[in-house]
């Protein structure tokens, strides 16, 4: 895992204790592996590095996200810059999607 993924993972692990929400890292979903997933809540979280900004990768990610959406998952994508520069905002967005308050 990247530093950003590790930082996010440490925070997501606390969701189980505080809110009863269990995240898994490197979670298989159909033909894909999600960076993080809360299956019961149907939420996938991806941390994207610069590699994901290439046109071919953006197209593949769009196909992947559409497939996950059809399976009932909501996909949140954060860049590594989002994680390093606005970590609290990322956590607030995740909590908002889950209907949680700090």
PDB file of N, CA and C in Angstrom:
ATOM      1  N   UNK A   1       0.845  -1.189   0.000  1.00  0.00           N
ATOM      2  CA  UNK A   1       0.000   0.000   0.000  1.00  0.00           C
ATOM      3  C   UNK A   1       0.886   1.246   0.000  1.00  0.00           C
ATOM      4  N   UNK A   2       0.359   2.294  -0.622  1.00  0.00           N
ATOM      5  CA  UNK A   2       1.053   3.578  -0.600  1.00  0.00           C
ATOM      6  C   UNK A   2       0.900   4.209   0.786  1.00  0.00           C
ATOM      7  N   UNK A   3       1.657   5.271   1.039  1.00  0.00           N
ATOM      8  CA  UNK A   3       1.529   5.968   2.321  1.00  0.00           C
ATOM      9  C   UNK A   3       0.107   6.485   2.525  1.00  0.00           C
ATOM     10  N   UNK A   4      -0.488   7.029   1.462  1.00  0.00           N
ATOM     11  CA  UNK A   4      -1.858   7.529   1.565  1.00  0.00           C
ATOM     12  C   UNK A   4      -2.854   6.427   1.869  1.00  0.00           C
ATOM     13  N   UNK A   5      -2.691   5.290   1.198  1.00  0.00           N
ATOM     14  CA  UNK A   5      -3.583   4.152   1.456  1.00  0.00           C
ATOM     15  C   UNK A   5      -3.416   3.658   2.887  1.00  0.00           C
ATOM     16  N   UNK A   6      -2.182   3.613   3.366  1.00  0.00           N
ATOM     17  CA  UNK A   6      -1.929   3.164   4.740  1.00  0.00           C
ATOM     18  C   UNK A   6      -2.579   4.111   5.739  1.00  0.00           C
ATOM     19  N   UNK A   7      -2.427   5.401   5.513  1.00  0.00           N
ATOM     20  CA  UNK A   7      -3.035   6.386   6.415  1.00  0.00           C
ATOM     21  C   UNK A   7      -4.554   6.239   6.428  1.00  0.00           C
ATOM     22  N   UNK A   8      -5.143   6.104   5.249  1.00  0.00           N
ATOM     23  CA  UNK A   8      -6.594   5.952   5.171  1.00  0.00           C
ATOM     24  C   UNK A   8      -7.035   4.648   5.822  1.00  0.00           C
ATOM     25  N   UNK A   9      -6.301   3.570   5.606  1.00  0.00           N
ATOM     26  CA  UNK A   9      -6.645   2.279   6.184  1.00  0.00           C
ATOM     27  C   UNK A   9      -6.678   2.353   7.707  1.00  0.00           C
ATOM     28  N   UNK A  10      -5.689   3.017   8.303  1.00  0.00           N
ATOM     29  CA  UNK A  10      -5.670   3.140   9.768  1.00  0.00           C
ATOM     30  C   UNK A  10      -6.924   3.854  10.272  1.00  0.00           C
ATOM     31  N   UNK A  11      -7.378   4.852   9.539  1.00  0.00           N
ATOM     32  CA  UNK A  11      -8.596   5.564   9.938  1.00  0.00           C
ATOM     33  C   UNK A  11      -9.839   4.702   9.707  1.00  0.00           C
ATOM     34  N   UNK A  12      -9.913   4.030   8.561  1.00  0.00           N
ATOM     35  CA  UNK A  12     -11.096   3.211   8.261  1.00  0.00           C
ATOM     36  C   UNK A  12     -11.260   2.064   9.253  1.00  0.00           C
ATOM     37  N   UNK A  13     -10.156   1.549   9.776  1.00  0.00           N
ATOM     38  CA  UNK A  13     -10.254   0.464  10.766  1.00  0.00           C
ATOM     39  C   UNK A  13     -10.992   0.920  12.018  1.00  0.00           C
ATOM     40  N   UNK A  14     -10.925   2.215  12.336  1.00  0.00           N
ATOM     41  CA  UNK A  14     -11.608   2.706  13.538  1.00  0.00           C
ATOM     42  C   UNK A  14     -13.126   2.758  13.354  1.00  0.00           C
ATOM     43  N   UNK A  15     -13.593   2.716  12.110  1.00  0.00           N
ATOM     44  CA  UNK A  15     -15.032   2.776  11.859  1.00  0.00           C
ATOM     45  C   UNK A  15     -15.755   1.569  12.456  1.00  0.00           C
ATOM     46  N   UNK A  16     -15.101   0.455  12.545  1.00  0.00           N
ATOM     47  CA  UNK A  16     -15.750  -0.740  13.107  1.00  0.00           C
ATOM     48  C   UNK A  16     -16.052  -0.521  14.590  1.00  0.00           C
ATOM     49  N   UNK A  17     -15.060  -0.017  15.302  1.00  0.00           N
ATOM     50  CA  UNK A  17     -15.220   0.198  16.741  1.00  0.00           C
ATOM     51  C   UNK A  17     -16.211   1.329  17.032  1.00  0.00           C
ATOM     52  N   UNK A  18     -16.111   2.409  16.269  1.00  0.00           N
ATOM     53  CA  UNK A  18     -16.937   3.583  16.547  1.00  0.00           C
ATOM     54  C   UNK A  18     -18.346   3.506  15.966  1.00  0.00           C
ATOM     55  N   UNK A  19     -18.484   2.866  14.804  1.00  0.00           N
ATOM     56  CA  UNK A  19     -19.764   2.910  14.091  1.00  0.00           C
ATOM     57  C   UNK A  19     -20.303   1.538  13.682  1.00  0.00           C
ATOM     58  N   UNK A  20     -19.540   0.482  13.928  1.00  0.00           N
ATOM     59  CA  UNK A  20     -19.971  -0.855  13.528  1.00  0.00           C
ATOM     60  C   UNK A  20     -19.848  -1.114  12.035  1.00  0.00           C
ATOM     61  N   UNK A  21     -19.032  -0.311  11.346  1.00  0.00           N
ATOM     62  CA  UNK A  21     -18.850  -0.466   9.900  1.00  0.00           C
ATOM     63  C   UNK A  21     -17.502  -1.118   9.643  1.00  0.00           C
ATOM     64  N   UNK A  22     -17.547  -2.247   8.969  1.00  0.00           N
ATOM     65  CA  UNK A  22     -16.340  -3.040   8.722  1.00  0.00           C
ATOM     66  C   UNK A  22     -15.833  -2.813   7.305  1.00  0.00           C
ATOM     67  N   UNK A  23     -14.657  -2.212   7.200  1.00  0.00           N
ATOM     68  CA  UNK A  23     -13.990  -2.054   5.909  1.00  0.00           C
ATOM     69  C   UNK A  23     -12.986  -3.175   5.722  1.00  0.00           C
ATOM     70  N   UNK A  24     -12.841  -3.600   4.499  1.00  0.00           N
ATOM     71  CA  UNK A  24     -11.797  -4.558   4.124  1.00  0.00           C
ATOM     72  C   UNK A  24     -10.865  -3.873   3.147  1.00  0.00           C
ATOM     73  N   UNK A  25      -9.574  -4.192   3.244  1.00  0.00           N
ATOM     74  CA  UNK A  25      -8.631  -3.658   2.257  1.00  0.00           C
ATOM     75  C   UNK A  25      -8.391  -4.714   1.196  1.00  0.00           C
ATOM     76  N   UNK A  26      -8.067  -4.254  -0.010  1.00  0.00           N
ATOM     77  CA  UNK A  26      -7.829  -5.141  -1.147  1.00  0.00           C
ATOM     78  C   UNK A  26      -8.958  -6.161  -1.257  1.00  0.00           C
ATOM     79  N   UNK A  27     -10.172  -5.642  -1.300  1.00  0.00           N
ATOM     80  CA  UNK A  27     -11.378  -6.473  -1.254  1.00  0.00           C
ATOM     81  C   UNK A  27     -11.804  -6.905  -2.653  1.00  0.00           C
ATOM     82  N   UNK A  28     -11.861  -8.227  -2.903  1.00  0.00           N
ATOM     83  CA  UNK A  28     -12.343  -8.692  -4.204  1.00  0.00           C
ATOM     84  C   UNK A  28     -13.846  -8.447  -4.346  1.00  0.00           C
ATOM     85  N   UNK A  29     -14.220  -7.877  -5.490  1.00  0.00           N
ATOM     86  CA  UNK A  29     -15.630  -7.687  -5.834  1.00  0.00           C
ATOM     87  C   UNK A  29     -15.739  -8.060  -7.306  1.00  0.00           C
ATOM     88  N   UNK A  30     -16.342  -9.197  -7.577  1.00  0.00           N
ATOM     89  CA  UNK A  30     -16.419  -9.671  -8.956  1.00  0.00           C
ATOM     90  C   UNK A  30     -15.026  -9.773  -9.546  1.00  0.00           C
ATOM     91  N   UNK A  31     -14.815  -9.210 -10.741  1.00  0.00           N
ATOM     92  CA  UNK A  31     -13.506  -9.320 -11.387  1.00  0.00           C
ATOM     93  C   UNK A  31     -12.501  -8.267 -10.904  1.00  0.00           C
ATOM     94  N   UNK A  32     -12.878  -7.464  -9.914  1.00  0.00           N
ATOM     95  CA  UNK A  32     -12.046  -6.340  -9.489  1.00  0.00           C
ATOM     96  C   UNK A  32     -11.570  -6.495  -8.046  1.00  0.00           C
ATOM     97  N   UNK A  33     -10.526  -5.738  -7.722  1.00  0.00           N
ATOM     98  CA  UNK A  33     -10.032  -5.649  -6.350  1.00  0.00           C
ATOM     99  C   UNK A  33     -10.153  -4.182  -5.943  1.00  0.00           C
ATOM    100  N   UNK A  34     -10.983  -3.922  -4.945  1.00  0.00           N
ATOM    101  CA  UNK A  34     -11.155  -2.557  -4.448  1.00  0.00           C
ATOM    102  C   UNK A  34     -10.083  -2.256  -3.413  1.00  0.00           C
ATOM    103  N   UNK A  35      -9.588  -1.016  -3.409  1.00  0.00           N
ATOM    104  CA  UNK A  35      -8.629  -0.641  -2.367  1.00  0.00           C
ATOM    105  C   UNK A  35      -9.251  -0.886  -1.000  1.00  0.00           C
ATOM    106  N   UNK A  36     -10.472  -0.382  -0.809  1.00  0.00           N
ATOM    107  CA  UNK A  36     -11.199  -0.567   0.453  1.00  0.00           C
ATOM    108  C   UNK A  36     -12.681  -0.735   0.132  1.00  0.00           C
ATOM    109  N   UNK A  37     -13.342  -1.595   0.889  1.00  0.00           N
ATOM    110  CA  UNK A  37     -14.777  -1.790   0.683  1.00  0.00           C
ATOM    111  C   UNK A  37     -15.467  -2.068   2.006  1.00  0.00           C
ATOM    112  N   UNK A  38     -16.632  -1.470   2.162  1.00  0.00           N
ATOM    113  CA  UNK A  38     -17.552  -1.798   3.243  1.00  0.00           C
ATOM    114  C   UNK A  38     -18.732  -2.468   2.545  1.00  0.00           C
ATOM    115  N   UNK A  39     -18.719  -3.798   2.543  1.00  0.00           N
ATOM    116  CA  UNK A  39     -19.697  -4.542   1.745  1.00  0.00           C
ATOM    117  C   UNK A  39     -21.136  -4.307   2.199  1.00  0.00           C
ATOM    118  N   UNK A  40     -21.383  -4.342   3.496  1.00  0.00           N
ATOM    119  CA  UNK A  40     -22.755  -4.173   3.981  1.00  0.00           C
ATOM    120  C   UNK A  40     -23.316  -2.806   3.594  1.00  0.00           C
ATOM    121  N   UNK A  41     -22.446  -1.801   3.541  1.00  0.00           N
ATOM    122  CA  UNK A  41     -22.861  -0.446   3.192  1.00  0.00           C
ATOM    123  C   UNK A  41     -22.768  -0.186   1.693  1.00  0.00           C
ATOM    124  N   UNK A  42     -22.233  -1.159   0.944  1.00  0.00           N
ATOM    125  CA  UNK A  42     -22.093  -1.068  -0.515  1.00  0.00           C
ATOM    126  C   UNK A  42     -21.260   0.163  -0.912  1.00  0.00           C
ATOM    127  N   UNK A  43     -20.120   0.322  -0.222  1.00  0.00           N
ATOM    128  CA  UNK A  43     -19.239   1.456  -0.482  1.00  0.00           C
ATOM    129  C   UNK A  43     -17.842   0.964  -0.825  1.00  0.00           C
ATOM    130  N   UNK A  44     -17.302   1.485  -1.916  1.00  0.00           N
ATOM    131  CA  UNK A  44     -15.930   1.221  -2.340  1.00  0.00           C
ATOM    132  C   UNK A  44     -15.171   2.539  -2.293  1.00  0.00           C
ATOM    133  N   UNK A  45     -13.955   2.485  -1.766  1.00  0.00           N
ATOM    134  CA  UNK A  45     -13.089   3.664  -1.727  1.00  0.00           C
ATOM    135  C   UNK A  45     -11.800   3.325  -2.449  1.00  0.00           C
ATOM    136  N   UNK A  46     -11.435   4.183  -3.391  1.00  0.00           N
ATOM    137  CA  UNK A  46     -10.204   4.015  -4.160  1.00  0.00           C
ATOM    138  C   UNK A  46      -9.286   5.203  -3.915  1.00  0.00           C
ATOM    139  N   UNK A  47      -7.992   4.924  -3.803  1.00  0.00           N
ATOM    140  CA  UNK A  47      -6.973   5.965  -3.707  1.00  0.00           C
ATOM    141  C   UNK A  47      -6.166   5.901  -4.992  1.00  0.00           C
ATOM    142  N   UNK A  48      -6.240   6.973  -5.769  1.00  0.00           N
ATOM    143  CA  UNK A  48      -5.635   6.995  -7.099  1.00  0.00           C
ATOM    144  C   UNK A  48      -4.378   7.849  -7.133  1.00  0.00           C
ATOM    145  N   UNK A  49      -3.303   7.246  -7.612  1.00  0.00           N
ATOM    146  CA  UNK A  49      -2.071   7.982  -7.850  1.00  0.00           C
ATOM    147  C   UNK A  49      -2.084   8.599  -9.237  1.00  0.00           C
ATOM    148  N   UNK A  50      -0.961   9.177  -9.630  1.00  0.00           N
ATOM    149  CA  UNK A  50      -0.857   9.837 -10.935  1.00  0.00           C
ATOM    150  C   UNK A  50      -1.160   8.894 -12.089  1.00  0.00           C
ATOM    151  N   UNK A  51      -0.838   7.623 -11.925  1.00  0.00           N
ATOM    152  CA  UNK A  51      -1.084   6.605 -12.950  1.00  0.00           C
ATOM    153  C   UNK A  51      -2.536   6.630 -13.417  1.00  0.00           C
ATOM    154  N   UNK A  52      -3.435   6.914 -12.495  1.00  0.00           N
ATOM    155  CA  UNK A  52      -4.869   6.889 -12.809  1.00  0.00           C
ATOM    156  C   UNK A  52      -5.320   8.104 -13.613  1.00  0.00           C
ATOM    157  N   UNK A  53      -4.438   9.062 -13.842  1.00  0.00           N
ATOM    158  CA  UNK A  53      -4.785  10.249 -14.627  1.00  0.00           C
ATOM    159  C   UNK A  53      -4.525  10.062 -16.116  1.00  0.00           C
ATOM    160  N   UNK A  54      -3.889   8.963 -16.486  1.00  0.00           N
ATOM    161  CA  UNK A  54      -3.655   8.686 -17.904  1.00  0.00           C
ATOM    162  C   UNK A  54      -4.991   8.387 -18.583  1.00  0.00           C
ATOM    163  N   UNK A  55      -5.171   8.840 -19.831  1.00  0.00           N
ATOM    164  CA  UNK A  55      -6.456   8.636 -20.523  1.00  0.00           C
ATOM    165  C   UNK A  55      -6.903   7.175 -20.576  1.00  0.00           C
ATOM    166  N   UNK A  56      -5.985   6.251 -20.832  1.00  0.00           N
ATOM    167  CA  UNK A  56      -6.382   4.840 -20.894  1.00  0.00           C
ATOM    168  C   UNK A  56      -6.832   4.335 -19.531  1.00  0.00           C
ATOM    169  N   UNK A  57      -6.191   4.793 -18.479  1.00  0.00           N
ATOM    170  CA  UNK A  57      -6.548   4.364 -17.127  1.00  0.00           C
ATOM    171  C   UNK A  57      -7.876   4.988 -16.699  1.00  0.00           C
ATOM    172  N   UNK A  58      -8.084   6.248 -17.059  1.00  0.00           N
ATOM    173  CA  UNK A  58      -9.360   6.902 -16.741  1.00  0.00           C
ATOM    174  C   UNK A  58     -10.523   6.150 -17.375  1.00  0.00           C
ATOM    175  N   UNK A  59     -10.338   5.716 -18.620  1.00  0.00           N
ATOM    176  CA  UNK A  59     -11.389   4.968 -19.316  1.00  0.00           C
ATOM    177  C   UNK A  59     -11.645   3.633 -18.625  1.00  0.00           C
ATOM    178  N   UNK A  60     -10.584   2.926 -18.246  1.00  0.00           N
ATOM    179  CA  UNK A  60     -10.763   1.632 -17.562  1.00  0.00           C
ATOM    180  C   UNK A  60     -11.412   1.818 -16.195  1.00  0.00           C
ATOM    181  N   UNK A  61     -11.012   2.880 -15.485  1.00  0.00           N
ATOM    182  CA  UNK A  61     -11.632   3.147 -14.184  1.00  0.00           C
ATOM    183  C   UNK A  61     -13.120   3.458 -14.338  1.00  0.00           C
ATOM    184  N   UNK A  62     -13.494   4.164 -15.408  1.00  0.00           N
ATOM    185  CA  UNK A  62     -14.908   4.483 -15.646  1.00  0.00           C
ATOM    186  C   UNK A  62     -15.717   3.213 -15.885  1.00  0.00           C
ATOM    187  N   UNK A  63     -15.162   2.274 -16.650  1.00  0.00           N
ATOM    188  CA  UNK A  63     -15.835   0.989 -16.898  1.00  0.00           C
ATOM    189  C   UNK A  63     -15.979   0.229 -15.584  1.00  0.00           C
ATOM    190  N   UNK A  64     -14.922   0.215 -14.806  1.00  0.00           N
ATOM    191  CA  UNK A  64     -14.917  -0.480 -13.515  1.00  0.00           C
ATOM    192  C   UNK A  64     -15.948   0.130 -12.566  1.00  0.00           C
ATOM    193  N   UNK A  65     -15.951   1.469 -12.468  1.00  0.00           N
ATOM    194  CA  UNK A  65     -16.910   2.144 -11.590  1.00  0.00           C
ATOM    195  C   UNK A  65     -18.347   1.868 -12.027  1.00  0.00           C
ATOM    196  N   UNK A  66     -18.590   1.863 -13.334  1.00  0.00           N
ATOM    197  CA  UNK A  66     -19.939   1.580 -13.839  1.00  0.00           C
ATOM    198  C   UNK A  66     -20.364   0.168 -13.455  1.00  0.00           C
ATOM    199  N   UNK A  67     -19.454  -0.792 -13.566  1.00  0.00           N
ATOM    200  CA  UNK A  67     -19.767  -2.170 -13.188  1.00  0.00           C
ATOM    201  C   UNK A  67     -20.090  -2.239 -11.695  1.00  0.00           C
ATOM    202  N   UNK A  68     -19.269  -1.594 -10.872  1.00  0.00           N
ATOM    203  CA  UNK A  68     -19.508  -1.592  -9.424  1.00  0.00           C
ATOM    204  C   UNK A  68     -20.842  -0.923  -9.098  1.00  0.00           C
ATOM    205  N   UNK A  69     -21.160   0.174  -9.786  1.00  0.00           N
ATOM    206  CA  UNK A  69     -22.453   0.841  -9.579  1.00  0.00           C
ATOM    207  C   UNK A  69     -23.612  -0.092  -9.910  1.00  0.00           C
ATOM    208  N   UNK A  70     -23.484  -0.855 -10.981  1.00  0.00           N
ATOM    209  CA  UNK A  70     -24.548  -1.802 -11.347  1.00  0.00           C
ATOM    210  C   UNK A  70     -24.710  -2.897 -10.302  1.00  0.00           C
ATOM    211  N   UNK A  71     -23.656  -3.170  -9.549  1.00  0.00           N
ATOM    212  CA  UNK A  71     -23.739  -4.164  -8.478  1.00  0.00           C
ATOM    213  C   UNK A  71     -24.261  -3.544  -7.181  1.00  0.00           C
ATOM    214  N   UNK A  72     -24.562  -2.254  -7.221  1.00  0.00           N
ATOM    215  CA  UNK A  72     -25.114  -1.578  -6.053  1.00  0.00           C
ATOM    216  C   UNK A  72     -24.093  -0.861  -5.189  1.00  0.00           C
ATOM    217  N   UNK A  73     -22.846  -0.763  -5.649  1.00  0.00           N
ATOM    218  CA  UNK A  73     -21.803  -0.087  -4.876  1.00  0.00           C
ATOM    219  C   UNK A  73     -21.699   1.374  -5.280  1.00  0.00           C
ATOM    220  N   UNK A  74     -21.465   2.209  -4.307  1.00  0.00           N
ATOM    221  CA  UNK A  74     -21.082   3.595  -4.568  1.00  0.00           C
ATOM    222  C   UNK A  74     -19.558   3.634  -4.504  1.00  0.00           C
ATOM    223  N   UNK A  75     -18.941   4.345  -5.422  1.00  0.00           N
ATOM    224  CA  UNK A  75     -17.482   4.417  -5.487  1.00  0.00           C
ATOM    225  C   UNK A  75     -17.036   5.836  -5.175  1.00  0.00           C
ATOM    226  N   UNK A  76     -16.180   5.961  -4.171  1.00  0.00           N
ATOM    227  CA  UNK A  76     -15.535   7.235  -3.864  1.00  0.00           C
ATOM    228  C   UNK A  76     -14.082   7.128  -4.287  1.00  0.00           C
ATOM    229  N   UNK A  77     -13.609   8.119  -5.009  1.00  0.00           N
ATOM    230  CA  UNK A  77     -12.209   8.147  -5.445  1.00  0.00           C
ATOM    231  C   UNK A  77     -11.528   9.374  -4.860  1.00  0.00           C
ATOM    232  N   UNK A  78     -10.387   9.134  -4.249  1.00  0.00           N
ATOM    233  CA  UNK A  78      -9.553  10.206  -3.728  1.00  0.00           C
ATOM    234  C   UNK A  78      -8.183  10.083  -4.365  1.00  0.00           C
ATOM    235  N   UNK A  79      -7.597  11.212  -4.716  1.00  0.00           N
ATOM    236  CA  UNK A  79      -6.228  11.181  -5.222  1.00  0.00           C
ATOM    237  C   UNK A  79      -5.273  11.084  -4.037  1.00  0.00           C
ATOM    238  N   UNK A  80      -4.052  10.687  -4.323  1.00  0.00           N
ATOM    239  CA  UNK A  80      -3.051  10.667  -3.249  1.00  0.00           C
ATOM    240  C   UNK A  80      -2.857  12.084  -2.710  1.00  0.00           C
ATOM    241  N   UNK A  81      -3.011  13.090  -3.578  1.00  0.00           N
ATOM    242  CA  UNK A  81      -2.931  14.479  -3.126  1.00  0.00           C
ATOM    243  C   UNK A  81      -4.055  14.838  -2.173  1.00  0.00           C
ATOM    244  N   UNK A  82      -5.276  14.355  -2.454  1.00  0.00           N
ATOM    245  CA  UNK A  82      -6.404  14.580  -1.542  1.00  0.00           C
ATOM    246  C   UNK A  82      -6.081  14.025  -0.160  1.00  0.00           C
ATOM    247  N   UNK A  83      -5.536  12.816  -0.135  1.00  0.00           N
ATOM    248  CA  UNK A  83      -5.234  12.154   1.135  1.00  0.00           C
ATOM    249  C   UNK A  83      -4.162  12.923   1.901  1.00  0.00           C
ATOM    250  N   UNK A  84      -3.124  13.376   1.200  1.00  0.00           N
ATOM    251  CA  UNK A  84      -2.034  14.058   1.903  1.00  0.00           C
ATOM    252  C   UNK A  84      -2.373  15.505   2.254  1.00  0.00           C
ATOM    253  N   UNK A  85      -3.146  16.188   1.403  1.00  0.00           N
ATOM    254  CA  UNK A  85      -3.396  17.618   1.617  1.00  0.00           C
ATOM    255  C   UNK A  85      -4.719  17.930   2.310  1.00  0.00           C
ATOM    256  N   UNK A  86      -5.687  17.044   2.212  1.00  0.00           N
ATOM    257  CA  UNK A  86      -7.024  17.323   2.760  1.00  0.00           C
ATOM    258  C   UNK A  86      -7.611  16.061   3.391  1.00  0.00           C
ATOM    259  N   UNK A  87      -6.824  15.406   4.236  1.00  0.00           N
ATOM    260  CA  UNK A  87      -7.232  14.123   4.810  1.00  0.00           C
ATOM    261  C   UNK A  87      -8.559  14.231   5.565  1.00  0.00           C
ATOM    262  N   UNK A  88      -8.686  15.245   6.409  1.00  0.00           N
ATOM    263  CA  UNK A  88      -9.925  15.384   7.186  1.00  0.00           C
ATOM    264  C   UNK A  88     -11.141  15.551   6.280  1.00  0.00           C
ATOM    265  N   UNK A  89     -10.972  16.268   5.177  1.00  0.00           N
ATOM    266  CA  UNK A  89     -12.067  16.421   4.222  1.00  0.00           C
ATOM    267  C   UNK A  89     -12.460  15.101   3.587  1.00  0.00           C
ATOM    268  N   UNK A  90     -11.470  14.251   3.313  1.00  0.00           N
ATOM    269  CA  UNK A  90     -11.756  12.919   2.761  1.00  0.00           C
ATOM    270  C   UNK A  90     -12.569  12.101   3.757  1.00  0.00           C
ATOM    271  N   UNK A  91     -12.152  12.134   5.018  1.00  0.00           N
ATOM    272  CA  UNK A  91     -12.870  11.381   6.054  1.00  0.00           C
ATOM    273  C   UNK A  91     -14.287  11.928   6.209  1.00  0.00           C
ATOM    274  N   UNK A  92     -14.431  13.238   6.182  1.00  0.00           N
ATOM    275  CA  UNK A  92     -15.769  13.834   6.284  1.00  0.00           C
ATOM    276  C   UNK A  92     -16.654  13.416   5.118  1.00  0.00           C
ATOM    277  N   UNK A  93     -16.083  13.331   3.919  1.00  0.00           N
ATOM    278  CA  UNK A  93     -16.874  12.892   2.761  1.00  0.00           C
ATOM    279  C   UNK A  93     -17.324  11.444   2.933  1.00  0.00           C
ATOM    280  N   UNK A  94     -16.425  10.583   3.392  1.00  0.00           N
ATOM    281  CA  UNK A  94     -16.775   9.177   3.638  1.00  0.00           C
ATOM    282  C   UNK A  94     -17.884   9.101   4.677  1.00  0.00           C
ATOM    283  N   UNK A  95     -17.719   9.837   5.764  1.00  0.00           N
ATOM    284  CA  UNK A  95     -18.728   9.814   6.820  1.00  0.00           C
ATOM    285  C   UNK A  95     -20.069  10.341   6.315  1.00  0.00           C
ATOM    286  N   UNK A  96     -20.033  11.373   5.492  1.00  0.00           N
ATOM    287  CA  UNK A  96     -21.268  11.917   4.940  1.00  0.00           C
ATOM    288  C   UNK A  96     -22.004  10.915   4.075  1.00  0.00           C
ATOM    289  N   UNK A  97     -21.262  10.205   3.235  1.00  0.00           N
ATOM    290  CA  UNK A  97     -21.870   9.180   2.378  1.00  0.00           C
ATOM    291  C   UNK A  97     -22.508   8.088   3.235  1.00  0.00           C
ATOM    292  N   UNK A  98     -21.875   7.780   4.353  1.00  0.00           N
ATOM    293  CA  UNK A  98     -22.389   6.737   5.244  1.00  0.00           C
ATOM    294  C   UNK A  98     -23.448   7.262   6.216  1.00  0.00           C
ATOM    295  N   UNK A  99     -23.705   8.558   6.185  1.00  0.00           N
ATOM    296  CA  UNK A  99     -24.698   9.139   7.087  1.00  0.00           C
ATOM    297  C   UNK A  99     -24.225   9.219   8.522  1.00  0.00           C
ATOM    298  N   UNK A 100     -22.918   9.400   8.712  1.00  0.00           N
ATOM    299  CA  UNK A 100     -22.325   9.435  10.049  1.00  0.00           C
ATOM    300  C   UNK A 100     -21.909  10.847  10.417  1.00  0.00           C
ATOM    301  N   UNK A 101     -21.806  11.079  11.723  1.00  0.00           N
ATOM    302  CA  UNK A 101     -21.287  12.345  12.241  1.00  0.00           C
ATOM    303  C   UNK A 101     -20.155  12.036  13.197  1.00  0.00           C
ATOM    304  N   UNK A 102     -19.176  12.930  13.223  1.00  0.00           N
ATOM    305  CA  UNK A 102     -18.037  12.758  14.141  1.00  0.00           C
ATOM    306  C   UNK A 102     -18.422  13.030  15.544  1.00  0.00           C
TER     307      UNK A 102
END
